[in-house]
Protein backbone atom coordinates (compact mmCIF):
# COMPACT_ATOMS: atom_id res chain seq x y z
CA UNK A 1 -0.37 0.06 -0.07
CA UNK A 2 3.43 2.53 0.34
CA UNK A 3 3.03 1.86 -3.29
CA UNK A 4 -0.65 2.91 -3.42
CA UNK A 5 0.10 6.21 -1.74
CA UNK A 6 3.51 7.35 -3.83
CA UNK A 7 0.91 6.90 -6.89
CA UNK A 8 -1.30 8.78 -5.40
CA UNK A 9 0.37 11.00 -2.91
CA UNK A 10 4.12 10.39 -2.06
CA UNK A 11 1.86 11.34 -1.48
CA UNK A 12 2.78 11.22 -2.10
CA UNK A 13 2.79 12.90 -2.49
CA UNK A 14 3.77 13.55 -0.59
CA UNK A 15 4.43 14.94 0.18
CA UNK A 16 2.53 16.63 -1.09
CA UNK A 17 3.19 16.13 0.23
CA UNK A 18 2.87 18.75 0.07
CA UNK A 19 1.88 19.86 -0.99
CA UNK A 20 -0.91 21.08 -7.91
CA UNK A 21 -1.39 21.21 -12.00
CA UNK A 22 -1.82 24.74 -13.38
CA UNK A 23 -0.42 27.10 -15.56
CA UNK A 24 1.39 28.95 -13.40
CA UNK A 25 5.07 30.45 -14.17
CA UNK A 26 6.34 30.45 -10.48
CA UNK A 27 5.14 27.92 -7.50
CA UNK A 28 6.62 28.91 -4.12
CA UNK A 29 5.41 27.19 -0.98
CA UNK A 30 5.77 29.40 2.48
CA UNK A 31 5.80 28.62 5.93
CA UNK A 32 4.88 30.80 7.46
CA UNK A 33 2.89 33.29 5.13
CA UNK A 34 5.58 35.25 3.32
CA UNK A 35 8.54 32.49 3.97
CA UNK A 36 9.71 30.26 1.66
CA UNK A 37 9.90 27.00 2.69
CA UNK A 38 12.06 24.47 1.74
CA UNK A 39 12.30 21.71 3.91
CA UNK A 40 10.81 18.58 4.11
CA UNK A 41 6.95 18.04 3.38
CA UNK A 42 4.89 15.28 5.15
CA UNK A 43 1.43 14.49 4.45
CA UNK A 44 -0.86 12.06 5.82
CA UNK A 45 -4.11 10.08 5.02
CA UNK A 46 -7.31 11.65 6.49
CA UNK A 47 -10.04 8.77 6.22
CA UNK A 48 -9.34 5.89 3.78
CA UNK A 49 -6.94 5.67 0.93
CA UNK A 50 -8.97 3.57 -2.34
CA UNK A 51 -7.75 2.45 -5.65
CA UNK A 52 -10.26 1.67 -7.72
CA UNK A 53 -9.57 -1.46 -10.62
CA UNK A 54 -10.85 -2.87 -13.22
CA UNK A 55 -12.10 -6.27 -10.47
CA UNK A 56 -11.33 -4.98 -7.43
CA UNK A 57 -10.33 -2.02 -5.08
CA UNK A 58 -7.45 -2.23 -2.98
CA UNK A 59 -8.89 -0.40 -0.02
CA UNK A 60 -5.70 1.26 3.18
CA UNK A 61 -6.50 2.87 6.06
CA UNK A 62 -3.43 4.34 6.37
CA UNK A 63 -0.76 6.26 4.21
CA UNK A 64 2.24 9.00 4.48
CA UNK A 65 4.32 10.27 1.85
CA UNK A 66 7.44 12.96 2.34
CA UNK A 67 9.00 14.89 -0.14
CA UNK A 68 11.88 17.83 0.41
CA UNK A 69 10.94 20.99 -1.79
CA UNK A 70 14.43 21.02 -3.56
CA UNK A 71 13.01 23.58 -6.31
CA UNK A 72 10.20 26.65 -6.18
CA UNK A 73 10.49 30.41 -7.37
CA UNK A 74 10.05 32.60 -10.97
CA UNK A 75 9.73 30.32 -13.94
CA UNK A 76 9.55 26.51 -11.88
CA UNK A 77 6.78 24.43 -10.03
CA UNK A 78 7.16 23.35 -5.97
CA UNK A 79 8.79 20.08 -5.99
CA UNK A 80 11.42 17.80 -5.64
CA UNK A 81 11.82 13.70 -4.97
CA UNK A 82 9.79 12.03 -2.67
CA UNK A 83 11.93 10.62 0.25
CA UNK A 84 9.43 8.08 2.11
CA UNK A 85 5.89 6.59 1.22
CA UNK A 86 4.17 4.64 3.99
CA UNK A 87 1.23 2.61 2.69
CA UNK A 88 -0.18 0.32 5.41
CA UNK A 89 -4.43 -1.42 6.23
CA UNK A 90 -4.80 -2.64 2.73
CA UNK A 91 -6.72 -5.53 1.76
CA UNK A 92 -4.40 -6.87 -0.40
CA UNK A 93 -0.35 -6.72 -0.05
CA UNK A 94 0.97 -3.09 -1.35
CA UNK A 95 4.94 -2.79 -2.21
CA UNK A 96 6.33 0.88 -3.29
CA UNK A 97 8.67 0.18 -6.12
CA UNK A 98 9.93 3.86 -6.94
CA UNK A 99 8.89 6.98 -4.69
CA UNK A 100 9.45 8.89 -7.81
CA UNK A 101 9.41 13.14 -7.66
CA UNK A 102 6.35 15.61 -7.31
CA UNK A 103 5.58 18.78 -8.30
CA UNK A 104 3.03 21.49 -7.22
CA UNK A 105 1.45 23.75 -9.85
CA UNK A 106 0.15 26.86 -8.80
CA UNK A 107 -3.91 27.76 -9.95
CA UNK A 108 -5.33 31.01 -8.56
CA UNK A 109 -9.12 30.24 -8.16
CA UNK A 110 -10.78 33.44 -7.45
CA UNK A 111 -8.75 35.20 -4.58
CA UNK A 112 -6.76 32.42 -3.83
CA UNK A 113 -4.23 30.34 -4.59
CA UNK A 114 -4.75 26.69 -4.85
CA UNK A 115 -2.64 24.00 -6.90
CA UNK A 116 -2.48 20.74 -8.37
CA UNK A 117 -0.17 17.95 -7.34
CA UNK A 118 1.16 15.69 -10.02
CA UNK A 119 3.60 12.63 -9.82
CA UNK A 120 6.35 11.50 -12.11
CA UNK A 121 8.25 8.05 -11.99
CA UNK A 122 5.88 6.78 -8.47
CA UNK A 123 5.23 2.98 -9.58
CA UNK A 124 3.29 0.84 -7.29
CA UNK A 125 2.67 -3.15 -7.46
CA UNK A 126 -0.25 -4.53 -6.01
CA UNK A 127 -1.20 -8.52 -5.08
CA UNK A 128 -4.63 -8.76 -5.98
CA UNK A 129 -5.93 -12.25 -6.40
CA UNK A 130 -5.89 -12.19 -10.05
CA UNK A 131 -2.67 -11.60 -9.93
CA UNK A 132 0.20 -8.49 -9.07
CA UNK A 133 -0.51 -5.26 -10.99
CA UNK A 134 2.08 -2.67 -11.55
CA UNK A 135 0.67 1.18 -12.09
CA UNK A 136 3.07 4.06 -12.73
CA UNK A 137 2.73 7.99 -13.43
CA UNK A 138 3.79 9.98 -15.34
CA UNK A 139 2.86 14.27 -14.75
CA UNK A 140 -0.02 12.24 -13.41
CA UNK A 141 -2.50 14.97 -12.15
CA UNK A 142 -3.13 13.74 -8.46
CA UNK A 143 -5.77 16.33 -7.14
CA UNK A 144 -5.72 19.44 -5.49
CA UNK A 145 -3.89 21.04 -2.26
CA UNK A 146 -5.77 23.93 -0.57
CA UNK A 147 -3.29 25.75 1.34
CA UNK A 148 -3.64 27.36 5.12
CA UNK A 149 -5.42 30.64 4.02
CA UNK A 150 -8.42 28.64 2.81
CA UNK A 151 -8.58 25.97 5.52
CA UNK A 152 -8.15 27.81 8.73
CA UNK A 153 -5.86 25.43 9.75
CA UNK A 154 -2.99 22.43 7.95
CA UNK A 155 -2.97 22.51 3.70
CA UNK A 156 -5.18 19.70 2.24
CA UNK A 157 -4.71 17.21 -0.83
CA UNK A 158 -8.08 16.36 -2.14
CA UNK A 159 -7.62 13.13 -4.59
CA UNK A 160 -10.52 13.27 -6.65
CA UNK A 161 -10.59 10.13 -9.77
CA UNK A 162 -7.28 10.37 -10.39
CA UNK A 163 -6.85 7.67 -13.36
CA UNK A 164 -3.16 5.95 -12.89
CA UNK A 165 -2.12 4.07 -15.79
CA UNK A 166 -1.47 0.22 -15.06
CA UNK A 167 2.44 -0.46 -16.93
CA UNK A 168 2.77 -3.94 -16.33
CA UNK A 169 0.67 -7.38 -14.99
CA UNK A 170 -1.89 -9.39 -15.70
CA UNK A 171 -4.65 -7.65 -18.22
CA UNK A 172 -7.58 -8.69 -15.86
CA UNK A 173 -5.93 -5.53 -13.87
CA UNK A 174 -7.27 -3.13 -16.59
CA UNK A 175 -5.73 -0.80 -18.12
CA UNK A 176 -5.78 2.09 -15.37
CA UNK A 177 -6.70 2.43 -11.88
CA UNK A 178 -8.83 5.36 -10.57
CA UNK A 179 -7.17 6.45 -6.84
CA UNK A 180 -9.42 8.55 -4.28
CA UNK A 181 -8.79 9.83 -1.15
CA UNK A 182 -7.58 12.60 1.20
CA UNK A 183 -4.08 13.56 2.95
CA UNK A 184 -3.31 16.49 5.50
CA UNK A 185 0.10 18.52 6.10
CA UNK A 186 1.54 17.66 9.16
CA UNK A 187 4.23 19.40 8.43
CA UNK A 188 4.40 22.30 8.38
CA UNK A 189 1.27 22.76 10.44
CA UNK A 190 0.93 25.13 8.01
CA UNK A 191 2.21 26.25 4.62
CA UNK A 192 0.51 28.57 1.60
CA UNK A 193 0.99 28.35 -2.18
CA UNK A 194 2.40 31.62 -3.63
CA UNK A 195 2.00 32.18 -8.07
């Protein structure tokens, strides 16, 4: 299931963690507001994390993603390599083969700047009753990161029906899986997205 989180997360991502896909020319994560944050972002699951497949659904109760912000600022999106993906409490065994990387793309919605989180190079394998299924991300949009300016507390990553391609394994797994779930940022305790 750690893999599922990476695919979904790293969650993850991670951290998401941290922390978005948009067409912004620059994205910066700040914490506190106005102060550029280049530390590690950690996301932890809120509720469950599910990967809906053609014949079965992988359902996990625990997941977390960590990522260090390695790039940000003018002309680039905020992001970095995912350093940790932990997934447990799943109804099928999930193994993270590659953690990959995460980017946050600033997206202005009204007066607020949120973002779209994309994952690349994250790969998981799920051992289901119909065989192993391998899912891989490549610039895959996994959800929307909402900053503390809107939530009033921790940033949140909402994963809404994100399609993750199946790249290997049993054809009965289908051509893709649909990821759903949500995460909250635990490190830093509050963060903002600037464009």
